Amino acid sequence: MSAAPATVDPALFREAMRRMASGVAVIVTDGPAGRAGLTVSSLASLCMEPPSVILCIHEKSAALATIEANGVFVANVLAHHQSRVADAFAGQIPELREDRFAAARWDVAASGAPVLADALMSFDCRLAAHHAYGTHRIVVGEVTAVHGIEAEAEPLLYANRAYRRLSAA
């Protein structure tokens, strides 16, 4: 008989996780189900064959259903100067809540999803899989194209409840 799993105090877990630095991305979609987007700090590479990314979205996110229905999305990795775009897609700018896309200039990827014109880089993805776990959906995107790798820009980071930049060692 196995022992019961140890439980961790949720407040302690949240405090520990908020200190981890993460890149910031805006995940957007467009298609028959409409246009939607959200800010995440959970984007990561999954594998090279096939090229794919993974991210996590809260199950109650309005954007999640739209992404699943459209079957495509673009993961726009933000540059250090794009915190306003992150805030807009996180719903933190009241005047942009009805049209978060007004926070920036957009192009259109081959999938039909929006590409942030001056993102650090963008991954055009086909929704390959999604799995429920706890309060979130684990989303896998198969990368069909990579756009605009901005070699000179630094990524926008998020740690300890604030945006950060890389600094020289």
N, C-alpha and C. Protein backbone atom coordinates (compact mmCIF):
# COMPACT_ATOMS: atom_id res chain seq x y z
N MET A 1 0.84 -1.18 0.00
CA MET A 1 0.00 0.00 0.00
C MET A 1 0.89 1.24 0.00
N SER A 2 0.66 2.17 -0.94
CA SER A 2 1.50 3.36 -1.04
C SER A 2 1.02 4.44 -0.07
N ALA A 3 1.95 5.27 0.32
CA ALA A 3 1.64 6.37 1.24
C ALA A 3 0.85 7.44 0.51
N ALA A 4 0.05 8.16 1.27
CA ALA A 4 -0.71 9.28 0.69
C ALA A 4 0.27 10.35 0.22
N PRO A 5 -0.03 11.01 -0.89
CA PRO A 5 0.88 12.06 -1.37
C PRO A 5 0.94 13.21 -0.38
N ALA A 6 2.12 13.79 -0.27
CA ALA A 6 2.31 14.95 0.60
C ALA A 6 1.56 16.14 0.02
N THR A 7 0.99 16.93 0.88
CA THR A 7 0.32 18.14 0.40
C THR A 7 1.18 19.35 0.73
N VAL A 8 1.17 20.29 -0.17
CA VAL A 8 1.93 21.52 -0.02
C VAL A 8 0.95 22.65 0.20
N ASP A 9 1.26 23.51 1.11
CA ASP A 9 0.43 24.68 1.37
C ASP A 9 0.34 25.50 0.09
N PRO A 10 -0.88 25.74 -0.43
CA PRO A 10 -1.03 26.50 -1.68
C PRO A 10 -0.37 27.89 -1.62
N ALA A 11 -0.43 28.56 -0.49
CA ALA A 11 0.19 29.89 -0.38
C ALA A 11 1.71 29.79 -0.50
N LEU A 12 2.30 28.77 0.09
CA LEU A 12 3.74 28.57 -0.01
C LEU A 12 4.13 28.24 -1.45
N PHE A 13 3.33 27.38 -2.10
CA PHE A 13 3.61 27.03 -3.50
C PHE A 13 3.53 28.27 -4.39
N ARG A 14 2.48 29.08 -4.21
CA ARG A 14 2.32 30.30 -5.01
C ARG A 14 3.51 31.25 -4.78
N GLU A 15 3.93 31.40 -3.54
CA GLU A 15 5.07 32.27 -3.22
C GLU A 15 6.35 31.78 -3.90
N ALA A 16 6.57 30.47 -3.88
CA ALA A 16 7.76 29.91 -4.51
C ALA A 16 7.72 30.09 -6.03
N MET A 17 6.58 29.82 -6.64
CA MET A 17 6.47 29.91 -8.09
C MET A 17 6.57 31.34 -8.60
N ARG A 18 6.09 32.30 -7.82
CA ARG A 18 6.14 33.68 -8.30
C ARG A 18 7.57 34.20 -8.40
N ARG A 19 8.49 33.56 -7.74
CA ARG A 19 9.90 33.97 -7.79
C ARG A 19 10.66 33.40 -8.98
N MET A 20 10.03 32.48 -9.71
CA MET A 20 10.65 31.94 -10.92
C MET A 20 10.50 32.93 -12.06
N ALA A 21 11.58 33.21 -12.73
CA ALA A 21 11.50 34.10 -13.90
C ALA A 21 10.99 33.31 -15.10
N SER A 22 10.09 33.95 -15.85
CA SER A 22 9.52 33.33 -17.04
C SER A 22 9.47 34.35 -18.16
N GLY A 23 9.56 33.86 -19.38
CA GLY A 23 9.29 34.72 -20.51
C GLY A 23 7.80 35.00 -20.58
N VAL A 24 7.43 36.05 -21.29
CA VAL A 24 6.03 36.44 -21.42
C VAL A 24 5.63 36.33 -22.88
N ALA A 25 4.48 35.71 -23.12
CA ALA A 25 3.98 35.54 -24.49
C ALA A 25 2.50 35.89 -24.53
N VAL A 26 2.07 36.38 -25.68
CA VAL A 26 0.66 36.60 -25.93
C VAL A 26 0.23 35.55 -26.94
N ILE A 27 -0.74 34.75 -26.53
CA ILE A 27 -1.26 33.66 -27.36
C ILE A 27 -2.55 34.17 -28.01
N VAL A 28 -2.61 34.15 -29.33
CA VAL A 28 -3.77 34.69 -30.05
C VAL A 28 -4.25 33.70 -31.11
N THR A 29 -5.53 33.85 -31.44
CA THR A 29 -6.14 32.99 -32.46
C THR A 29 -7.14 33.80 -33.25
N ASP A 30 -7.44 33.33 -34.44
CA ASP A 30 -8.51 33.90 -35.25
C ASP A 30 -9.00 32.79 -36.17
N GLY A 31 -10.28 32.81 -36.45
CA GLY A 31 -10.86 31.79 -37.31
C GLY A 31 -12.37 31.81 -37.18
N PRO A 32 -13.03 30.71 -37.56
CA PRO A 32 -14.49 30.66 -37.53
C PRO A 32 -15.11 30.97 -36.16
N ALA A 33 -14.41 30.64 -35.09
CA ALA A 33 -14.94 30.89 -33.73
C ALA A 33 -14.64 32.30 -33.24
N GLY A 34 -13.92 33.08 -34.05
CA GLY A 34 -13.62 34.46 -33.66
C GLY A 34 -12.17 34.66 -33.28
N ARG A 35 -11.90 35.87 -32.83
CA ARG A 35 -10.55 36.29 -32.48
C ARG A 35 -10.46 36.42 -30.97
N ALA A 36 -9.38 35.92 -30.38
CA ALA A 36 -9.20 35.99 -28.93
C ALA A 36 -7.72 35.90 -28.62
N GLY A 37 -7.38 36.26 -27.39
CA GLY A 37 -6.00 36.15 -26.96
C GLY A 37 -5.86 36.31 -25.46
N LEU A 38 -4.69 35.92 -24.97
CA LEU A 38 -4.39 36.04 -23.55
C LEU A 38 -2.88 36.07 -23.35
N THR A 39 -2.46 36.55 -22.18
CA THR A 39 -1.05 36.59 -21.82
C THR A 39 -0.73 35.37 -20.99
N VAL A 40 0.41 34.73 -21.28
CA VAL A 40 0.87 33.58 -20.50
C VAL A 40 2.35 33.74 -20.16
N SER A 41 2.74 33.08 -19.09
CA SER A 41 4.16 32.98 -18.75
C SER A 41 4.57 31.51 -18.70
N SER A 42 3.79 30.67 -19.37
CA SER A 42 4.01 29.22 -19.32
C SER A 42 4.45 28.62 -20.65
N LEU A 43 4.80 29.43 -21.63
CA LEU A 43 5.21 28.90 -22.94
C LEU A 43 6.59 28.28 -22.85
N ALA A 44 6.73 27.09 -23.42
CA ALA A 44 8.04 26.42 -23.45
C ALA A 44 8.11 25.53 -24.69
N SER A 45 9.35 25.22 -25.11
CA SER A 45 9.50 24.27 -26.21
C SER A 45 9.15 22.88 -25.68
N LEU A 46 8.60 22.05 -26.55
CA LEU A 46 8.26 20.68 -26.16
C LEU A 46 9.22 19.70 -26.80
N CYS A 47 9.30 19.73 -28.13
CA CYS A 47 10.24 18.84 -28.81
C CYS A 47 10.58 19.39 -30.19
N MET A 48 11.62 18.81 -30.79
CA MET A 48 12.07 19.24 -32.11
C MET A 48 11.39 18.45 -33.23
N GLU A 49 10.98 17.22 -32.96
CA GLU A 49 10.36 16.38 -33.98
C GLU A 49 9.04 15.83 -33.44
N PRO A 50 7.92 16.37 -33.81
CA PRO A 50 7.80 17.57 -34.64
C PRO A 50 8.05 18.82 -33.80
N PRO A 51 8.46 19.91 -34.46
CA PRO A 51 8.67 21.16 -33.71
C PRO A 51 7.37 21.53 -32.99
N SER A 52 7.45 21.70 -31.69
CA SER A 52 6.23 21.97 -30.94
C SER A 52 6.51 22.74 -29.67
N VAL A 53 5.46 23.43 -29.21
CA VAL A 53 5.51 24.19 -27.97
C VAL A 53 4.39 23.71 -27.06
N ILE A 54 4.53 24.04 -25.79
CA ILE A 54 3.53 23.67 -24.80
C ILE A 54 3.24 24.91 -23.95
N LEU A 55 1.99 25.04 -23.53
CA LEU A 55 1.61 26.14 -22.65
C LEU A 55 0.43 25.70 -21.82
N CYS A 56 0.14 26.46 -20.79
CA CYS A 56 -0.97 26.14 -19.90
C CYS A 56 -1.93 27.32 -19.84
N ILE A 57 -3.22 27.01 -19.91
CA ILE A 57 -4.27 28.04 -19.89
C ILE A 57 -5.32 27.62 -18.87
N HIS A 58 -5.76 28.54 -18.04
CA HIS A 58 -6.81 28.25 -17.07
C HIS A 58 -8.07 27.80 -17.78
N GLU A 59 -8.72 26.78 -17.23
CA GLU A 59 -9.90 26.20 -17.88
C GLU A 59 -11.05 27.18 -18.05
N LYS A 60 -11.09 28.24 -17.25
CA LYS A 60 -12.17 29.23 -17.35
C LYS A 60 -11.83 30.40 -18.27
N SER A 61 -10.68 30.37 -18.90
CA SER A 61 -10.29 31.44 -19.82
C SER A 61 -11.21 31.43 -21.04
N ALA A 62 -11.76 32.60 -21.34
CA ALA A 62 -12.62 32.71 -22.53
C ALA A 62 -11.83 32.42 -23.80
N ALA A 63 -10.55 32.74 -23.81
CA ALA A 63 -9.73 32.51 -25.00
C ALA A 63 -9.51 31.03 -25.26
N LEU A 64 -9.50 30.21 -24.23
CA LEU A 64 -9.24 28.78 -24.40
C LEU A 64 -10.25 28.13 -25.35
N ALA A 65 -11.52 28.37 -25.14
CA ALA A 65 -12.54 27.77 -26.00
C ALA A 65 -12.39 28.22 -27.45
N THR A 66 -12.01 29.46 -27.66
CA THR A 66 -11.83 29.99 -29.01
C THR A 66 -10.62 29.33 -29.67
N ILE A 67 -9.53 29.18 -28.93
CA ILE A 67 -8.34 28.51 -29.46
C ILE A 67 -8.68 27.07 -29.84
N GLU A 68 -9.39 26.37 -28.97
CA GLU A 68 -9.75 24.99 -29.25
C GLU A 68 -10.67 24.89 -30.47
N ALA A 69 -11.62 25.80 -30.59
CA ALA A 69 -12.55 25.77 -31.73
C ALA A 69 -11.86 26.11 -33.04
N ASN A 70 -10.96 27.10 -33.02
CA ASN A 70 -10.26 27.49 -34.25
C ASN A 70 -9.19 26.48 -34.64
N GLY A 71 -8.60 25.81 -33.67
CA GLY A 71 -7.58 24.80 -33.96
C GLY A 71 -6.23 25.36 -34.35
N VAL A 72 -6.06 26.68 -34.26
CA VAL A 72 -4.77 27.34 -34.57
C VAL A 72 -4.53 28.46 -33.57
N PHE A 73 -3.26 28.78 -33.38
CA PHE A 73 -2.90 29.94 -32.56
C PHE A 73 -1.49 30.36 -32.91
N VAL A 74 -1.16 31.61 -32.54
CA VAL A 74 0.21 32.09 -32.65
C VAL A 74 0.67 32.44 -31.24
N ALA A 75 1.84 31.94 -30.89
CA ALA A 75 2.49 32.28 -29.62
C ALA A 75 3.49 33.39 -29.92
N ASN A 76 3.14 34.62 -29.52
CA ASN A 76 3.97 35.80 -29.75
C ASN A 76 4.82 36.04 -28.51
N VAL A 77 6.12 35.82 -28.60
CA VAL A 77 7.03 36.03 -27.47
C VAL A 77 7.37 37.51 -27.43
N LEU A 78 7.12 38.13 -26.27
CA LEU A 78 7.26 39.59 -26.16
C LEU A 78 8.69 40.03 -25.89
N ALA A 79 9.02 41.18 -26.48
CA ALA A 79 10.30 41.85 -26.23
C ALA A 79 10.16 42.74 -25.00
N HIS A 80 11.28 43.13 -24.44
CA HIS A 80 11.31 43.87 -23.17
C HIS A 80 10.46 45.13 -23.16
N HIS A 81 10.23 45.73 -24.30
CA HIS A 81 9.48 46.99 -24.37
C HIS A 81 7.97 46.78 -24.57
N GLN A 82 7.49 45.55 -24.49
CA GLN A 82 6.09 45.26 -24.82
C GLN A 82 5.22 44.90 -23.61
N SER A 83 5.54 45.45 -22.45
CA SER A 83 4.74 45.15 -21.26
C SER A 83 3.30 45.65 -21.40
N ARG A 84 3.08 46.72 -22.16
CA ARG A 84 1.72 47.21 -22.36
C ARG A 84 0.87 46.18 -23.11
N VAL A 85 1.46 45.50 -24.08
CA VAL A 85 0.74 44.45 -24.81
C VAL A 85 0.41 43.30 -23.86
N ALA A 86 1.36 42.94 -23.01
CA ALA A 86 1.12 41.88 -22.02
C ALA A 86 -0.03 42.28 -21.10
N ASP A 87 0.01 43.52 -20.61
CA ASP A 87 -1.05 44.00 -19.72
C ASP A 87 -2.42 44.03 -20.42
N ALA A 88 -2.43 44.43 -21.68
CA ALA A 88 -3.69 44.48 -22.42
C ALA A 88 -4.31 43.09 -22.53
N PHE A 89 -3.52 42.09 -22.87
CA PHE A 89 -4.05 40.74 -23.04
C PHE A 89 -4.27 40.02 -21.72
N ALA A 90 -3.78 40.61 -20.63
CA ALA A 90 -4.07 40.09 -19.29
C ALA A 90 -5.30 40.78 -18.71
N GLY A 91 -5.90 41.70 -19.48
CA GLY A 91 -7.10 42.41 -19.02
C GLY A 91 -6.82 43.49 -18.00
N GLN A 92 -5.58 43.97 -17.95
CA GLN A 92 -5.18 44.96 -16.95
C GLN A 92 -5.36 46.40 -17.40
N ILE A 93 -5.73 46.63 -18.66
CA ILE A 93 -5.92 48.00 -19.16
C ILE A 93 -7.41 48.15 -19.50
N PRO A 94 -8.16 48.83 -18.61
CA PRO A 94 -9.63 48.89 -18.77
C PRO A 94 -10.09 49.35 -20.15
N GLU A 95 -9.45 50.37 -20.72
CA GLU A 95 -9.92 50.89 -22.00
C GLU A 95 -9.64 49.93 -23.17
N LEU A 96 -8.84 48.88 -22.95
CA LEU A 96 -8.55 47.91 -24.00
C LEU A 96 -9.23 46.55 -23.78
N ARG A 97 -10.03 46.43 -22.75
CA ARG A 97 -10.66 45.13 -22.46
C ARG A 97 -11.59 44.67 -23.57
N GLU A 98 -12.24 45.58 -24.25
CA GLU A 98 -13.15 45.21 -25.34
C GLU A 98 -12.41 44.92 -26.64
N ASP A 99 -11.23 45.50 -26.83
CA ASP A 99 -10.43 45.25 -28.03
C ASP A 99 -8.96 45.24 -27.66
N ARG A 100 -8.50 44.13 -27.14
CA ARG A 100 -7.11 43.98 -26.69
C ARG A 100 -6.14 44.10 -27.85
N PHE A 101 -6.60 43.77 -29.05
CA PHE A 101 -5.73 43.84 -30.23
C PHE A 101 -5.36 45.28 -30.59
N ALA A 102 -6.08 46.27 -30.04
CA ALA A 102 -5.76 47.67 -30.31
C ALA A 102 -4.46 48.10 -29.63
N ALA A 103 -3.89 47.26 -28.80
CA ALA A 103 -2.66 47.59 -28.08
C ALA A 103 -1.41 47.51 -28.95
N ALA A 104 -1.54 46.96 -30.16
CA ALA A 104 -0.34 46.76 -30.99
C ALA A 104 -0.73 46.65 -32.46
N ARG A 105 0.29 46.53 -33.31
CA ARG A 105 0.10 46.34 -34.74
C ARG A 105 0.25 44.86 -35.06
N TRP A 106 -0.63 44.34 -35.91
CA TRP A 106 -0.68 42.91 -36.18
C TRP A 106 -0.58 42.61 -37.67
N ASP A 107 0.06 41.51 -38.00
CA ASP A 107 0.05 40.93 -39.33
C ASP A 107 -0.76 39.64 -39.23
N VAL A 108 -0.83 38.88 -40.32
CA VAL A 108 -1.60 37.64 -40.31
C VAL A 108 -0.68 36.49 -40.72
N ALA A 109 -0.68 35.43 -39.93
CA ALA A 109 0.12 34.24 -40.23
C ALA A 109 -0.59 33.39 -41.27
N ALA A 110 0.09 32.40 -41.80
CA ALA A 110 -0.50 31.49 -42.78
C ALA A 110 -1.72 30.78 -42.21
N SER A 111 -1.73 30.54 -40.90
CA SER A 111 -2.87 29.87 -40.26
C SER A 111 -4.09 30.77 -40.17
N GLY A 112 -3.89 32.08 -40.38
CA GLY A 112 -4.97 33.04 -40.23
C GLY A 112 -4.96 33.73 -38.87
N ALA A 113 -4.14 33.26 -37.95
CA ALA A 113 -4.04 33.86 -36.63
C ALA A 113 -3.16 35.11 -36.68
N PRO A 114 -3.39 36.06 -35.78
CA PRO A 114 -2.60 37.29 -35.76
C PRO A 114 -1.15 37.06 -35.32
N VAL A 115 -0.25 37.81 -35.93
CA VAL A 115 1.17 37.82 -35.56
C VAL A 115 1.51 39.23 -35.11
N LEU A 116 2.01 39.37 -33.91
CA LEU A 116 2.43 40.66 -33.39
C LEU A 116 3.60 41.18 -34.24
N ALA A 117 3.41 42.34 -34.84
CA ALA A 117 4.35 42.85 -35.84
C ALA A 117 5.78 42.98 -35.33
N ASP A 118 5.99 43.37 -34.08
CA ASP A 118 7.36 43.55 -33.59
C ASP A 118 7.67 42.66 -32.39
N ALA A 119 7.10 41.46 -32.39
CA ALA A 119 7.40 40.50 -31.32
C ALA A 119 8.85 40.08 -31.38
N LEU A 120 9.35 39.58 -30.28
CA LEU A 120 10.71 39.04 -30.25
C LEU A 120 10.80 37.88 -31.24
N MET A 121 9.76 37.06 -31.27
CA MET A 121 9.57 36.00 -32.25
C MET A 121 8.16 35.49 -32.10
N SER A 122 7.64 34.84 -33.13
CA SER A 122 6.29 34.30 -33.08
C SER A 122 6.27 32.90 -33.67
N PHE A 123 5.49 32.03 -33.04
CA PHE A 123 5.35 30.66 -33.50
C PHE A 123 3.92 30.44 -33.97
N ASP A 124 3.75 30.20 -35.27
CA ASP A 124 2.44 29.90 -35.85
C ASP A 124 2.19 28.41 -35.59
N CYS A 125 1.08 28.09 -34.94
CA CYS A 125 0.86 26.72 -34.48
C CYS A 125 -0.50 26.16 -34.88
N ARG A 126 -0.50 24.86 -35.09
CA ARG A 126 -1.72 24.08 -35.22
C ARG A 126 -1.93 23.42 -33.87
N LEU A 127 -3.14 23.49 -33.35
CA LEU A 127 -3.45 22.85 -32.07
C LEU A 127 -3.30 21.34 -32.25
N ALA A 128 -2.30 20.75 -31.60
CA ALA A 128 -2.03 19.33 -31.76
C ALA A 128 -2.68 18.48 -30.68
N ALA A 129 -2.79 19.03 -29.48
CA ALA A 129 -3.39 18.28 -28.37
C ALA A 129 -3.71 19.25 -27.24
N HIS A 130 -4.64 18.83 -26.39
CA HIS A 130 -4.90 19.57 -25.16
C HIS A 130 -5.41 18.58 -24.13
N HIS A 131 -4.93 18.77 -22.91
CA HIS A 131 -5.24 17.83 -21.84
C HIS A 131 -5.64 18.60 -20.59
N ALA A 132 -6.68 18.17 -19.93
CA ALA A 132 -7.10 18.78 -18.68
C ALA A 132 -6.21 18.28 -17.55
N TYR A 133 -5.81 19.20 -16.68
CA TYR A 133 -5.09 18.84 -15.47
C TYR A 133 -5.38 19.89 -14.41
N GLY A 134 -5.98 19.49 -13.33
CA GLY A 134 -6.32 20.44 -12.27
C GLY A 134 -7.22 21.53 -12.82
N THR A 135 -6.84 22.77 -12.58
CA THR A 135 -7.64 23.92 -13.03
C THR A 135 -7.24 24.42 -14.41
N HIS A 136 -6.31 23.74 -15.06
CA HIS A 136 -5.76 24.23 -16.32
C HIS A 136 -5.88 23.22 -17.45
N ARG A 137 -5.66 23.71 -18.66
CA ARG A 137 -5.57 22.88 -19.84
C ARG A 137 -4.13 22.99 -20.33
N ILE A 138 -3.49 21.85 -20.54
CA ILE A 138 -2.15 21.80 -21.12
C ILE A 138 -2.36 21.78 -22.63
N VAL A 139 -1.82 22.77 -23.32
CA VAL A 139 -2.04 22.94 -24.76
C VAL A 139 -0.74 22.68 -25.50
N VAL A 140 -0.80 21.83 -26.51
CA VAL A 140 0.35 21.53 -27.35
C VAL A 140 0.10 22.10 -28.73
N GLY A 141 1.05 22.89 -29.20
CA GLY A 141 0.96 23.44 -30.54
C GLY A 141 2.08 22.92 -31.42
N GLU A 142 1.72 22.36 -32.58
CA GLU A 142 2.74 21.97 -33.55
C GLU A 142 3.09 23.21 -34.35
N VAL A 143 4.37 23.59 -34.32
CA VAL A 143 4.82 24.82 -34.96
C VAL A 143 4.91 24.60 -36.46
N THR A 144 4.16 25.43 -37.20
CA THR A 144 4.17 25.34 -38.66
C THR A 144 5.01 26.43 -39.31
N ALA A 145 5.33 27.49 -38.54
CA ALA A 145 6.20 28.57 -39.03
C ALA A 145 6.72 29.37 -37.85
N VAL A 146 7.89 29.97 -38.05
CA VAL A 146 8.48 30.88 -37.07
C VAL A 146 8.64 32.22 -37.76
N HIS A 147 8.18 33.29 -37.09
CA HIS A 147 8.22 34.63 -37.67
C HIS A 147 9.12 35.56 -36.88
N GLY A 148 9.79 36.46 -37.59
CA GLY A 148 10.43 37.64 -37.05
C GLY A 148 11.35 37.49 -35.88
N ILE A 149 12.34 36.65 -35.96
CA ILE A 149 13.28 36.55 -34.86
C ILE A 149 14.05 37.86 -34.78
N GLU A 150 13.83 38.60 -33.69
CA GLU A 150 14.44 39.91 -33.47
C GLU A 150 15.73 39.70 -32.68
N ALA A 151 16.86 39.68 -33.38
CA ALA A 151 18.14 39.32 -32.76
C ALA A 151 18.62 40.33 -31.72
N GLU A 152 18.30 41.59 -31.89
CA GLU A 152 18.84 42.62 -31.01
C GLU A 152 17.99 42.87 -29.76
N ALA A 153 16.75 42.49 -29.76
CA ALA A 153 15.87 42.78 -28.63
C ALA A 153 16.05 41.76 -27.51
N GLU A 154 15.76 42.19 -26.30
CA GLU A 154 15.77 41.30 -25.14
C GLU A 154 14.35 40.85 -24.86
N PRO A 155 14.19 39.67 -24.26
CA PRO A 155 12.84 39.20 -23.94
C PRO A 155 12.26 39.94 -22.74
N LEU A 156 10.95 40.01 -22.70
CA LEU A 156 10.25 40.51 -21.52
C LEU A 156 10.15 39.35 -20.55
N LEU A 157 10.58 39.56 -19.32
CA LEU A 157 10.53 38.53 -18.29
C LEU A 157 9.53 38.93 -17.23
N TYR A 158 9.01 37.93 -16.52
CA TYR A 158 8.10 38.18 -15.41
C TYR A 158 8.57 37.36 -14.22
N ALA A 159 8.79 38.04 -13.09
CA ALA A 159 9.20 37.36 -11.86
C ALA A 159 8.81 38.22 -10.68
N ASN A 160 8.39 37.58 -9.61
CA ASN A 160 8.05 38.27 -8.37
C ASN A 160 7.04 39.40 -8.60
N ARG A 161 6.03 39.09 -9.42
CA ARG A 161 4.90 39.98 -9.72
C ARG A 161 5.29 41.28 -10.43
N ALA A 162 6.38 41.24 -11.20
CA ALA A 162 6.79 42.44 -11.94
C ALA A 162 7.50 42.01 -13.23
N TYR A 163 7.46 42.90 -14.22
CA TYR A 163 8.21 42.68 -15.46
C TYR A 163 9.66 42.97 -15.18
N ARG A 164 10.53 42.20 -15.86
CA ARG A 164 11.98 42.33 -15.68
C ARG A 164 12.66 42.30 -17.03
N ARG A 165 13.93 42.69 -17.01
CA ARG A 165 14.79 42.59 -18.20
C ARG A 165 16.03 41.80 -17.84
N LEU A 166 16.63 41.22 -18.84
CA LEU A 166 17.94 40.60 -18.62
C LEU A 166 18.93 41.71 -18.31
N SER A 167 19.89 41.45 -17.48
CA SER A 167 20.93 42.44 -17.23
C SER A 167 22.27 41.78 -17.41
N ALA A 168 23.26 42.59 -17.74
CA ALA A 168 24.61 42.05 -17.97
C ALA A 168 25.14 41.44 -16.67
N ALA A 169 25.86 40.36 -16.81
CA ALA A 169 26.44 39.69 -15.63
C ALA A 169 27.55 40.52 -15.04
